[in-house]
C-alpha atoms as a PDB file:
ATOM      1  CA  UNK A   1      -3.497 -17.002   9.899  1.00  0.00           C
ATOM      2  CA  UNK A   2      -0.967 -16.166   7.622  1.00  0.00           C
ATOM      3  CA  UNK A   3      -0.362 -12.610   5.789  1.00  0.00           C
ATOM      4  CA  UNK A   4       1.531 -12.226   2.548  1.00  0.00           C
ATOM      5  CA  UNK A   5       2.403  -8.646   1.686  1.00  0.00           C
ATOM      6  CA  UNK A   6       3.142  -7.835  -2.093  1.00  0.00           C
ATOM      7  CA  UNK A   7       5.523  -5.117  -2.609  1.00  0.00           C
ATOM      8  CA  UNK A   8       7.830  -3.518  -5.157  1.00  0.00           C
ATOM      9  CA  UNK A   9      10.535  -1.177  -5.381  1.00  0.00           C
ATOM     10  CA  UNK A  10       8.530   1.093  -7.607  1.00  0.00           C
ATOM     11  CA  UNK A  11       5.176   1.449  -9.389  1.00  0.00           C
ATOM     12  CA  UNK A  12       4.214  -0.306 -12.499  1.00  0.00           C
ATOM     13  CA  UNK A  13       5.927  -3.739 -11.940  1.00  0.00           C
ATOM     14  CA  UNK A  14       2.457  -5.561 -11.799  1.00  0.00           C
ATOM     15  CA  UNK A  15       1.960  -5.710  -8.142  1.00  0.00           C
ATOM     16  CA  UNK A  16      -1.610  -5.131  -8.079  1.00  0.00           C
ATOM     17  CA  UNK A  17      -2.430  -7.419 -11.143  1.00  0.00           C
ATOM     18  CA  UNK A  18      -0.630 -10.201  -9.161  1.00  0.00           C
ATOM     19  CA  UNK A  19      -2.498  -9.540  -5.895  1.00  0.00           C
ATOM     20  CA  UNK A  20      -5.726  -9.503  -7.989  1.00  0.00           C
ATOM     21  CA  UNK A  21      -4.984 -13.106  -9.239  1.00  0.00           C
ATOM     22  CA  UNK A  22      -3.889 -14.401  -5.789  1.00  0.00           C
ATOM     23  CA  UNK A  23      -7.343 -13.087  -4.391  1.00  0.00           C
ATOM     24  CA  UNK A  24      -9.111 -15.159  -7.166  1.00  0.00           C
ATOM     25  CA  UNK A  25      -6.911 -18.471  -6.399  1.00  0.00           C
ATOM     26  CA  UNK A  26      -6.716 -18.391  -2.731  1.00  0.00           C
ATOM     27  CA  UNK A  27      -9.790 -19.391  -0.463  1.00  0.00           C
ATOM     28  CA  UNK A  28     -10.861 -18.350   2.877  1.00  0.00           C
ATOM     29  CA  UNK A  29      -8.971 -15.034   2.891  1.00  0.00           C
ATOM     30  CA  UNK A  30      -9.287 -11.495   3.439  1.00  0.00           C
ATOM     31  CA  UNK A  31      -7.789  -8.807   1.055  1.00  0.00           C
ATOM     32  CA  UNK A  32      -6.416  -5.486   1.908  1.00  0.00           C
ATOM     33  CA  UNK A  33      -5.110  -2.598  -0.371  1.00  0.00           C
ATOM     34  CA  UNK A  34      -2.450  -0.832   1.536  1.00  0.00           C
ATOM     35  CA  UNK A  35      -1.544   1.411  -1.270  1.00  0.00           C
ATOM     36  CA  UNK A  36      -3.602   4.107   0.203  1.00  0.00           C
ATOM     37  CA  UNK A  37      -2.139   6.904  -1.862  1.00  0.00           C
ATOM     38  CA  UNK A  38      -3.360   5.400  -5.086  1.00  0.00           C
ATOM     39  CA  UNK A  39      -5.588   2.510  -4.223  1.00  0.00           C
ATOM     40  CA  UNK A  40      -6.593   0.565  -7.342  1.00  0.00           C
ATOM     41  CA  UNK A  41      -7.135  -3.278  -6.318  1.00  0.00           C
ATOM     42  CA  UNK A  42     -10.839  -2.553  -5.938  1.00  0.00           C
ATOM     43  CA  UNK A  43     -10.855  -1.722  -9.632  1.00  0.00           C
ATOM     44  CA  UNK A  44     -10.257  -5.443 -10.216  1.00  0.00           C
ATOM     45  CA  UNK A  45     -12.449  -6.979  -7.644  1.00  0.00           C
ATOM     46  CA  UNK A  46     -15.479  -5.039  -8.318  1.00  0.00           C
ATOM     47  CA  UNK A  47     -16.464  -4.546  -4.495  1.00  0.00           C
ATOM     48  CA  UNK A  48     -19.724  -3.763  -2.970  1.00  0.00           C
ATOM     49  CA  UNK A  49     -19.314  -1.071  -0.168  1.00  0.00           C
ATOM     50  CA  UNK A  50     -20.458  -2.202   3.131  1.00  0.00           C
ATOM     51  CA  UNK A  51     -19.275   0.636   5.530  1.00  0.00           C
ATOM     52  CA  UNK A  52     -16.738   3.460   5.514  1.00  0.00           C
ATOM     53  CA  UNK A  53     -15.215   5.323   8.506  1.00  0.00           C
ATOM     54  CA  UNK A  54     -13.184   8.511   8.614  1.00  0.00           C
ATOM     55  CA  UNK A  55      -9.425   8.686   9.232  1.00  0.00           C
ATOM     56  CA  UNK A  56      -8.101  11.415  11.229  1.00  0.00           C
ATOM     57  CA  UNK A  57      -4.662  12.573  10.823  1.00  0.00           C
ATOM     58  CA  UNK A  58      -2.643  15.246  12.537  1.00  0.00           C
ATOM     59  CA  UNK A  59      -4.641  18.073  14.135  1.00  0.00           C
ATOM     60  CA  UNK A  60      -5.069  21.354  11.952  1.00  0.00           C
ATOM     61  CA  UNK A  61      -4.768  24.913  13.489  1.00  0.00           C
ATOM     62  CA  UNK A  62      -7.712  27.242  13.345  1.00  0.00           C
ATOM     63  CA  UNK A  63      -7.933  30.858  14.792  1.00  0.00           C
ATOM     64  CA  UNK A  64     -10.669  32.229  16.933  1.00  0.00           C
ATOM     65  CA  UNK A  65     -11.112  35.711  15.788  1.00  0.00           C
ATOM     66  CA  UNK A  66     -12.849  36.796  19.075  1.00  0.00           C
ATOM     67  CA  UNK A  67      -9.649  36.043  20.880  1.00  0.00           C
ATOM     68  CA  UNK A  68      -7.017  37.185  18.265  1.00  0.00           C
ATOM     69  CA  UNK A  69      -5.188  40.235  18.998  1.00  0.00           C
ATOM     70  CA  UNK A  70      -3.951  40.654  15.348  1.00  0.00           C
ATOM     71  CA  UNK A  71      -0.192  40.631  16.685  1.00  0.00           C
ATOM     72  CA  UNK A  72       1.028  38.725  13.482  1.00  0.00           C
ATOM     73  CA  UNK A  73       3.215  36.479  15.699  1.00  0.00           C
ATOM     74  CA  UNK A  74       1.653  33.135  14.259  1.00  0.00           C
ATOM     75  CA  UNK A  75       2.213  34.577  10.641  1.00  0.00           C
ATOM     76  CA  UNK A  76       5.792  35.266  11.375  1.00  0.00           C
ATOM     77  CA  UNK A  77       6.504  31.796  12.945  1.00  0.00           C
ATOM     78  CA  UNK A  78       4.467  29.887  10.471  1.00  0.00           C
ATOM     79  CA  UNK A  79       7.199  28.211   8.219  1.00  0.00           C
ATOM     80  CA  UNK A  80       4.433  26.701   5.703  1.00  0.00           C
ATOM     81  CA  UNK A  81       2.764  30.129   4.909  1.00  0.00           C
ATOM     82  CA  UNK A  82      -0.549  28.510   6.089  1.00  0.00           C
ATOM     83  CA  UNK A  83      -2.023  31.498   7.649  1.00  0.00           C
ATOM     84  CA  UNK A  84      -3.208  34.062   5.199  1.00  0.00           C
ATOM     85  CA  UNK A  85      -4.825  37.523   5.348  1.00  0.00           C
ATOM     86  CA  UNK A  86      -7.401  37.920   7.886  1.00  0.00           C
ATOM     87  CA  UNK A  87      -5.634  35.221  10.002  1.00  0.00           C
ATOM     88  CA  UNK A  88      -7.476  32.445   8.087  1.00  0.00           C
ATOM     89  CA  UNK A  89      -5.493  29.025   8.116  1.00  0.00           C
ATOM     90  CA  UNK A  90      -5.225  27.075   4.829  1.00  0.00           C
ATOM     91  CA  UNK A  91      -5.751  23.455   5.880  1.00  0.00           C
ATOM     92  CA  UNK A  92      -3.951  22.276   2.781  1.00  0.00           C
ATOM     93  CA  UNK A  93      -0.877  24.109   3.717  1.00  0.00           C
ATOM     94  CA  UNK A  94      -1.029  23.633   7.452  1.00  0.00           C
ATOM     95  CA  UNK A  95       1.318  20.717   8.509  1.00  0.00           C
ATOM     96  CA  UNK A  96      -0.131  20.556  12.163  1.00  0.00           C
ATOM     97  CA  UNK A  97       3.178  21.361  13.824  1.00  0.00           C
ATOM     98  CA  UNK A  98       1.401  23.561  16.377  1.00  0.00           C
ATOM     99  CA  UNK A  99       4.053  26.205  16.650  1.00  0.00           C
ATOM    100  CA  UNK A 100       1.359  28.663  16.449  1.00  0.00           C
ATOM    101  CA  UNK A 101      -0.746  26.949  19.052  1.00  0.00           C
ATOM    102  CA  UNK A 102       2.062  27.134  21.531  1.00  0.00           C
ATOM    103  CA  UNK A 103       3.365  30.784  20.551  1.00  0.00           C
ATOM    104  CA  UNK A 104      -0.087  32.602  20.524  1.00  0.00           C
ATOM    105  CA  UNK A 105       0.119  34.907  23.518  1.00  0.00           C
ATOM    106  CA  UNK A 106      -3.809  35.093  24.086  1.00  0.00           C
ATOM    107  CA  UNK A 107      -4.678  31.482  23.147  1.00  0.00           C
ATOM    108  CA  UNK A 108      -6.556  32.198  19.989  1.00  0.00           C
ATOM    109  CA  UNK A 109      -5.106  29.249  18.182  1.00  0.00           C
ATOM    110  CA  UNK A 110      -6.830  25.888  18.525  1.00  0.00           C
ATOM    111  CA  UNK A 111      -5.874  22.633  17.192  1.00  0.00           C
ATOM    112  CA  UNK A 112      -8.978  20.579  15.826  1.00  0.00           C
ATOM    113  CA  UNK A 113      -9.495  17.186  14.365  1.00  0.00           C
ATOM    114  CA  UNK A 114      -9.075  16.934  10.587  1.00  0.00           C
ATOM    115  CA  UNK A 115     -10.410  14.235   8.251  1.00  0.00           C
ATOM    116  CA  UNK A 116      -7.444  13.111   6.293  1.00  0.00           C
ATOM    117  CA  UNK A 117      -9.102  10.024   4.517  1.00  0.00           C
ATOM    118  CA  UNK A 118     -11.567   7.280   4.755  1.00  0.00           C
ATOM    119  CA  UNK A 119     -11.210   3.569   5.501  1.00  0.00           C
ATOM    120  CA  UNK A 120     -13.623   1.171   3.519  1.00  0.00           C
ATOM    121  CA  UNK A 121     -14.788  -2.251   4.166  1.00  0.00           C
ATOM    122  CA  UNK A 122     -16.240  -3.970   0.977  1.00  0.00           C
ATOM    123  CA  UNK A 123     -17.379  -7.235   0.052  1.00  0.00           C
ATOM    124  CA  UNK A 124     -16.344  -9.053  -3.369  1.00  0.00           C
ATOM    125  CA  UNK A 125     -17.206 -12.226  -4.965  1.00  0.00           C
ATOM    126  CA  UNK A 126     -13.921 -13.267  -3.862  1.00  0.00           C
ATOM    127  CA  UNK A 127     -14.180 -12.313  -0.196  1.00  0.00           C
ATOM    128  CA  UNK A 128     -13.763  -9.232   1.947  1.00  0.00           C
ATOM    129  CA  UNK A 129     -11.746  -6.408   0.936  1.00  0.00           C
ATOM    130  CA  UNK A 130     -10.437  -3.657   3.378  1.00  0.00           C
ATOM    131  CA  UNK A 131      -9.103  -0.481   1.591  1.00  0.00           C
ATOM    132  CA  UNK A 132      -8.825   3.245   2.008  1.00  0.00           C
ATOM    133  CA  UNK A 133      -8.516   6.562   0.292  1.00  0.00           C
ATOM    134  CA  UNK A 134      -6.095   9.369   1.366  1.00  0.00           C
ATOM    135  CA  UNK A 135      -7.258  12.894   0.863  1.00  0.00           C
ATOM    136  CA  UNK A 136      -5.445  15.266  -1.680  1.00  0.00           C
ATOM    137  CA  UNK A 137      -2.049  16.625  -0.280  1.00  0.00           C
ATOM    138  CA  UNK A 138      -2.383  14.611   2.969  1.00  0.00           C
ATOM    139  CA  UNK A 139       0.343  12.826   4.930  1.00  0.00           C
ATOM    140  CA  UNK A 140       0.352  10.033   7.390  1.00  0.00           C
ATOM    141  CA  UNK A 141      -0.171   7.465   4.792  1.00  0.00           C
ATOM    142  CA  UNK A 142       1.861   4.951   7.060  1.00  0.00           C
ATOM    143  CA  UNK A 143      -0.622   5.449   9.870  1.00  0.00           C
ATOM    144  CA  UNK A 144      -3.584   4.850   7.326  1.00  0.00           C
ATOM    145  CA  UNK A 145      -1.785   1.783   6.130  1.00  0.00           C
ATOM    146  CA  UNK A 146      -1.509   0.546   9.813  1.00  0.00           C
ATOM    147  CA  UNK A 147      -5.237   1.080  10.226  1.00  0.00           C
ATOM    148  CA  UNK A 148      -6.014  -0.962   7.015  1.00  0.00           C
ATOM    149  CA  UNK A 149      -3.923  -3.861   8.305  1.00  0.00           C
ATOM    150  CA  UNK A 150      -5.281  -3.766  11.603  1.00  0.00           C
ATOM    151  CA  UNK A 151      -8.884  -3.710  10.281  1.00  0.00           C
ATOM    152  CA  UNK A 152      -8.012  -6.498   7.936  1.00  0.00           C
ATOM    153  CA  UNK A 153      -6.641  -8.837  10.708  1.00  0.00           C
ATOM    154  CA  UNK A 154      -9.591  -7.965  13.054  1.00  0.00           C
ATOM    155  CA  UNK A 155     -11.907  -9.206  10.065  1.00  0.00           C
ATOM    156  CA  UNK A 156      -9.869 -12.403   9.461  1.00  0.00           C
ATOM    157  CA  UNK A 157      -9.693 -13.355  13.126  1.00  0.00           C
ATOM    158  CA  UNK A 158     -13.667 -12.604  13.453  1.00  0.00           C
ATOM    159  CA  UNK A 159     -14.442 -14.750  10.477  1.00  0.00           C
ATOM    160  CA  UNK A 160     -11.797 -17.421  10.908  1.00  0.00           C
ATOM    161  CA  UNK A 161      -9.915 -16.632   7.671  1.00  0.00           C
ATOM    162  CA  UNK A 162      -6.586 -18.385   7.170  1.00  0.00           C
ATOM    163  CA  UNK A 163      -4.878 -16.045   4.816  1.00  0.00           C
ATOM    164  CA  UNK A 164      -4.515 -12.066   4.473  1.00  0.00           C
ATOM    165  CA  UNK A 165      -3.431 -10.886   0.831  1.00  0.00           C
ATOM    166  CA  UNK A 166      -2.051  -7.471   1.236  1.00  0.00           C
ATOM    167  CA  UNK A 167      -1.246  -5.321  -1.884  1.00  0.00           C
ATOM    168  CA  UNK A 168       1.333  -2.957  -0.626  1.00  0.00           C
ATOM    169  CA  UNK A 169       2.494   0.437  -1.627  1.00  0.00           C
ATOM    170  CA  UNK A 170       5.458   0.868  -4.167  1.00  0.00           C
ATOM    171  CA  UNK A 171       8.922   2.152  -2.886  1.00  0.00           C
ATOM    172  CA  UNK A 172      10.561   1.791   0.445  1.00  0.00           C
ATOM    173  CA  UNK A 173       9.160   4.697   2.354  1.00  0.00           C
ATOM    174  CA  UNK A 174       6.902   4.941   5.488  1.00  0.00           C
ATOM    175  CA  UNK A 175       3.902   3.189   4.053  1.00  0.00           C
ATOM    176  CA  UNK A 176       5.989   0.132   2.816  1.00  0.00           C
ATOM    177  CA  UNK A 177       7.649  -0.040   6.261  1.00  0.00           C
ATOM    178  CA  UNK A 178       4.233   0.057   7.845  1.00  0.00           C
ATOM    179  CA  UNK A 179       3.206  -2.876   5.745  1.00  0.00           C
ATOM    180  CA  UNK A 180       6.209  -5.235   7.033  1.00  0.00           C
ATOM    181  CA  UNK A 181       5.256  -5.518  10.799  1.00  0.00           C
ATOM    182  CA  UNK A 182       3.953  -8.925  11.594  1.00  0.00           C
ATOM    183  CA  UNK A 183       3.995 -10.117   7.955  1.00  0.00           C
ATOM    184  CA  UNK A 184       4.579 -13.908   7.409  1.00  0.00           C
ATOM    185  CA  UNK A 185       6.028 -13.198   3.833  1.00  0.00           C
ATOM    186  CA  UNK A 186       6.868 -10.501   1.578  1.00  0.00           C
ATOM    187  CA  UNK A 187       6.405 -11.297  -2.140  1.00  0.00           C
ATOM    188  CA  UNK A 188       8.467  -8.841  -4.209  1.00  0.00           C
ATOM    189  CA  UNK A 189       7.395  -8.166  -7.809  1.00  0.00           C
ATOM    190  CA  UNK A 190      10.204  -6.922 -10.027  1.00  0.00           C
ATOM    191  CA  UNK A 191      10.943  -6.559 -13.682  1.00  0.00           C
ATOM    192  CA  UNK A 192      14.152  -7.134 -15.786  1.00  0.00           C
ATOM    193  CA  UNK A 193      15.425  -3.612 -16.103  1.00  0.00           C
ATOM    194  CA  UNK A 194      18.424  -1.956 -14.419  1.00  0.00           C
ATOM    195  CA  UNK A 195      15.994  -0.015 -12.416  1.00  0.00           C
ATOM    196  CA  UNK A 196      14.337  -2.996 -11.506  1.00  0.00           C
ATOM    197  CA  UNK A 197      17.419  -4.627 -10.217  1.00  0.00           C
ATOM    198  CA  UNK A 198      18.175  -1.594  -8.133  1.00  0.00           C
ATOM    199  CA  UNK A 199      14.703  -1.410  -6.633  1.00  0.00           C
ATOM    200  CA  UNK A 200      14.605  -5.156  -5.849  1.00  0.00           C
ATOM    201  CA  UNK A 201      17.971  -4.716  -3.931  1.00  0.00           C
ATOM    202  CA  UNK A 202      16.412  -1.928  -2.024  1.00  0.00           C
ATOM    203  CA  UNK A 203      13.305  -3.815  -0.927  1.00  0.00           C
ATOM    204  CA  UNK A 204      15.478  -6.883  -0.244  1.00  0.00           C
ATOM    205  CA  UNK A 205      17.522  -4.915   2.184  1.00  0.00           C
ATOM    206  CA  UNK A 206      14.373  -3.473   3.772  1.00  0.00           C
ATOM    207  CA  UNK A 207      12.858  -6.871   4.339  1.00  0.00           C
ATOM    208  CA  UNK A 208      16.250  -8.019   5.719  1.00  0.00           C
ATOM    209  CA  UNK A 209      16.596  -5.011   7.916  1.00  0.00           C
ATOM    210  CA  UNK A 210      13.122  -5.775   9.652  1.00  0.00           C
ATOM    211  CA  UNK A 211      13.651  -9.597   9.653  1.00  0.00           C
ATOM    212  CA  UNK A 212      11.003 -10.294   7.265  1.00  0.00           C
ATOM    213  CA  UNK A 213      11.035 -13.255   5.006  1.00  0.00           C
ATOM    214  CA  UNK A 214      11.020 -12.513   1.473  1.00  0.00           C
ATOM    215  CA  UNK A 215      10.297 -14.160  -1.979  1.00  0.00           C
ATOM    216  CA  UNK A 216      10.702 -12.907  -5.514  1.00  0.00           C
ATOM    217  CA  UNK A 217       8.564 -13.041  -8.781  1.00  0.00           C
ATOM    218  CA  UNK A 218       9.959 -11.665 -12.026  1.00  0.00           C
ATOM    219  CA  UNK A 219       7.281 -10.161 -14.200  1.00  0.00           C
ATOM    220  CA  UNK A 220       7.835  -9.862 -17.996  1.00  0.00           C
ATOM    221  CA  UNK A 221      11.056 -11.936 -17.507  1.00  0.00           C
ATOM    222  CA  UNK A 222      11.090 -12.938 -21.223  1.00  0.00           C
ATOM    223  CA  UNK A 223      11.713  -9.251 -22.444  1.00  0.00           C
ATOM    224  CA  UNK A 224      15.255  -9.061 -21.139  1.00  0.00           C
ATOM    225  CA  UNK A 225      16.457 -12.642 -20.217  1.00  0.00           C
ATOM    226  CA  UNK A 226      19.957 -11.299 -19.443  1.00  0.00           C
ATOM    227  CA  UNK A 227      18.514  -8.923 -16.856  1.00  0.00           C
ATOM    228  CA  UNK A 228      16.408 -11.801 -15.637  1.00  0.00           C
ATOM    229  CA  UNK A 229      19.527 -13.849 -14.988  1.00  0.00           C
ATOM    230  CA  UNK A 230      21.033 -10.926 -12.995  1.00  0.00           C
ATOM    231  CA  UNK A 231      17.934 -10.839 -10.951  1.00  0.00           C
ATOM    232  CA  UNK A 232      18.303 -14.486 -10.156  1.00  0.00           C
ATOM    233  CA  UNK A 233      21.998 -14.002  -9.178  1.00  0.00           C
ATOM    234  CA  UNK A 234      20.750 -11.178  -6.997  1.00  0.00           C
ATOM    235  CA  UNK A 235      18.200 -13.517  -5.264  1.00  0.00           C
ATOM    236  CA  UNK A 236      20.819 -16.287  -4.719  1.00  0.00           C
ATOM    237  CA  UNK A 237      23.159 -13.545  -3.059  1.00  0.00           C
ATOM    238  CA  UNK A 238      20.246 -12.735  -0.540  1.00  0.00           C
ATOM    239  CA  UNK A 239      19.237 -16.336  -0.171  1.00  0.00           C
ATOM    240  CA  UNK A 240      15.793 -15.529  -1.336  1.00  0.00           C
ATOM    241  CA  UNK A 241      13.536 -17.967  -3.286  1.00  0.00           C
ATOM    242  CA  UNK A 242      12.474 -17.072  -6.788  1.00  0.00           C
ATOM    243  CA  UNK A 243       8.935 -18.323  -6.896  1.00  0.00           C
ATOM    244  CA  UNK A 244       7.776 -17.095 -10.168  1.00  0.00           C
ATOM    245  CA  UNK A 245       8.681 -16.000 -13.925  1.00  0.00           C
ATOM    246  CA  UNK A 246       5.694 -14.385 -15.248  1.00  0.00           C
ATOM    247  CA  UNK A 247       6.027 -13.854 -19.267  1.00  0.00           C
ATOM    248  CA  UNK A 248       4.965 -10.534 -21.083  1.00  0.00           C
ATOM    249  CA  UNK A 249       1.425 -10.972 -22.260  1.00  0.00           C
ATOM    250  CA  UNK A 250      -0.419  -8.252 -24.137  1.00  0.00           C
ATOM    251  CA  UNK A 251      -3.872  -9.755 -22.820  1.00  0.00           C
ATOM    252  CA  UNK A 252      -2.774  -8.585 -19.347  1.00  0.00           C
ATOM    253  CA  UNK A 253      -3.432  -5.021 -20.448  1.00  0.00           C
ATOM    254  CA  UNK A 254      -6.831  -6.246 -21.872  1.00  0.00           C
ATOM    255  CA  UNK A 255      -7.784  -7.769 -18.542  1.00  0.00           C
ATOM    256  CA  UNK A 256      -6.902  -4.551 -16.639  1.00  0.00           C
ATOM    257  CA  UNK A 257      -8.800  -2.404 -18.865  1.00  0.00           C
ATOM    258  CA  UNK A 258     -11.921  -4.642 -18.465  1.00  0.00           C
ATOM    259  CA  UNK A 259     -11.556  -4.478 -14.725  1.00  0.00           C
ATOM    260  CA  UNK A 260     -11.052  -8.422 -14.187  1.00  0.00           C
ATOM    261  CA  UNK A 261      -8.236 -10.357 -12.473  1.00  0.00           C
ATOM    262  CA  UNK A 262      -5.612 -11.481 -15.007  1.00  0.00           C
ATOM    263  CA  UNK A 263      -5.900 -15.004 -13.985  1.00  0.00           C
ATOM    264  CA  UNK A 264      -9.649 -15.048 -15.332  1.00  0.00           C
ATOM    265  CA  UNK A 265      -8.717 -13.387 -18.665  1.00  0.00           C
ATOM    266  CA  UNK A 266      -5.383 -14.807 -19.567  1.00  0.00           C
ATOM    267  CA  UNK A 267      -4.310 -18.529 -20.642  1.00  0.00           C
ATOM    268  CA  UNK A 268      -1.278 -20.260 -21.945  1.00  0.00           C
ATOM    269  CA  UNK A 269       2.072 -19.270 -20.393  1.00  0.00           C
ATOM    270  CA  UNK A 270       0.679 -16.425 -18.279  1.00  0.00           C
ATOM    271  CA  UNK A 271      -1.976 -18.563 -16.598  1.00  0.00           C
ATOM    272  CA  UNK A 272       0.580 -21.427 -15.935  1.00  0.00           C
ATOM    273  CA  UNK A 273       3.148 -18.912 -14.474  1.00  0.00           C
ATOM    274  CA  UNK A 274       0.488 -17.545 -12.060  1.00  0.00           C
ATOM    275  CA  UNK A 275      -0.688 -20.953 -10.961  1.00  0.00           C
ATOM    276  CA  UNK A 276       2.877 -22.031 -10.427  1.00  0.00           C
ATOM    277  CA  UNK A 277       3.543 -18.955  -8.319  1.00  0.00           C
ATOM    278  CA  UNK A 278       0.573 -19.549  -6.146  1.00  0.00           C
ATOM    279  CA  UNK A 279       1.569 -23.285  -5.671  1.00  0.00           C
ATOM    280  CA  UNK A 280       5.179 -22.085  -4.328  1.00  0.00           C
ATOM    281  CA  UNK A 281       3.472 -19.467  -2.081  1.00  0.00           C
ATOM    282  CA  UNK A 282       1.156 -22.129  -0.602  1.00  0.00           C
ATOM    283  CA  UNK A 283       4.186 -24.105   0.211  1.00  0.00           C
ATOM    284  CA  UNK A 284       6.091 -21.189   1.873  1.00  0.00           C
ATOM    285  CA  UNK A 285       3.143 -20.066   3.775  1.00  0.00           C
ATOM    286  CA  UNK A 286       2.254 -23.648   4.713  1.00  0.00           C
ATOM    287  CA  UNK A 287      -1.383 -23.351   3.559  1.00  0.00           C
ATOM    288  CA  UNK A 288      -3.757 -26.259   2.821  1.00  0.00           C
END
């Protein structure tokens, strides 16, 4: 079994549109959407929900008013202003630090389980999809990413799949780091802008730090050919293969708006670019 994780230094580079096209082209695979803060791969794959399960984040505080003495110590110690009038805890503001729990002299504070999001297993015409939704103002997205990947790997092993296509989160924070462990290849989608070059270098450094093999695809390369050449030089400096040059194509937006993978709606240079990208990825991943 192989896993390719699609990352980018920031949002809007075309990461999900590329992931959706790879999902169409690949066979015998499982898809995983690890952009749990703003999951959108399901918008392209039209999934049918099979099951859902709650994801529990950090425990939240609650106050037992029968035990509470009204000493105000918890209000004084809470740095997040989560405890309001009447000693009622606001679960949105509570960070689950448990300072009030340990400090309460009468044991009135209890730490209870808190549902921070949901993990979904769906079926699409292209194969199974594991995705998730994190609740509003919730944290622990890195932990939920790990849960999505664990379920995708379990499903792939159970159904004898040879590939996992993971649509990762943007940036280089905790969710992106959570995507890297155990991945066979990191496909970085970038764009020919100054910020794109900066973000590409950050993701390359991240992959290098964790010992992950990386490859790069330049999206909309023909908008700024000079900047694209700078990205190519950066790839050479890091000894990272450049596996794709995708052109700017207005039909991509039409495909996204219609909720269909780009490879099914576009033709010409865009279609050729995506097919060439997939051929090179198959060679790197040693897929049949």
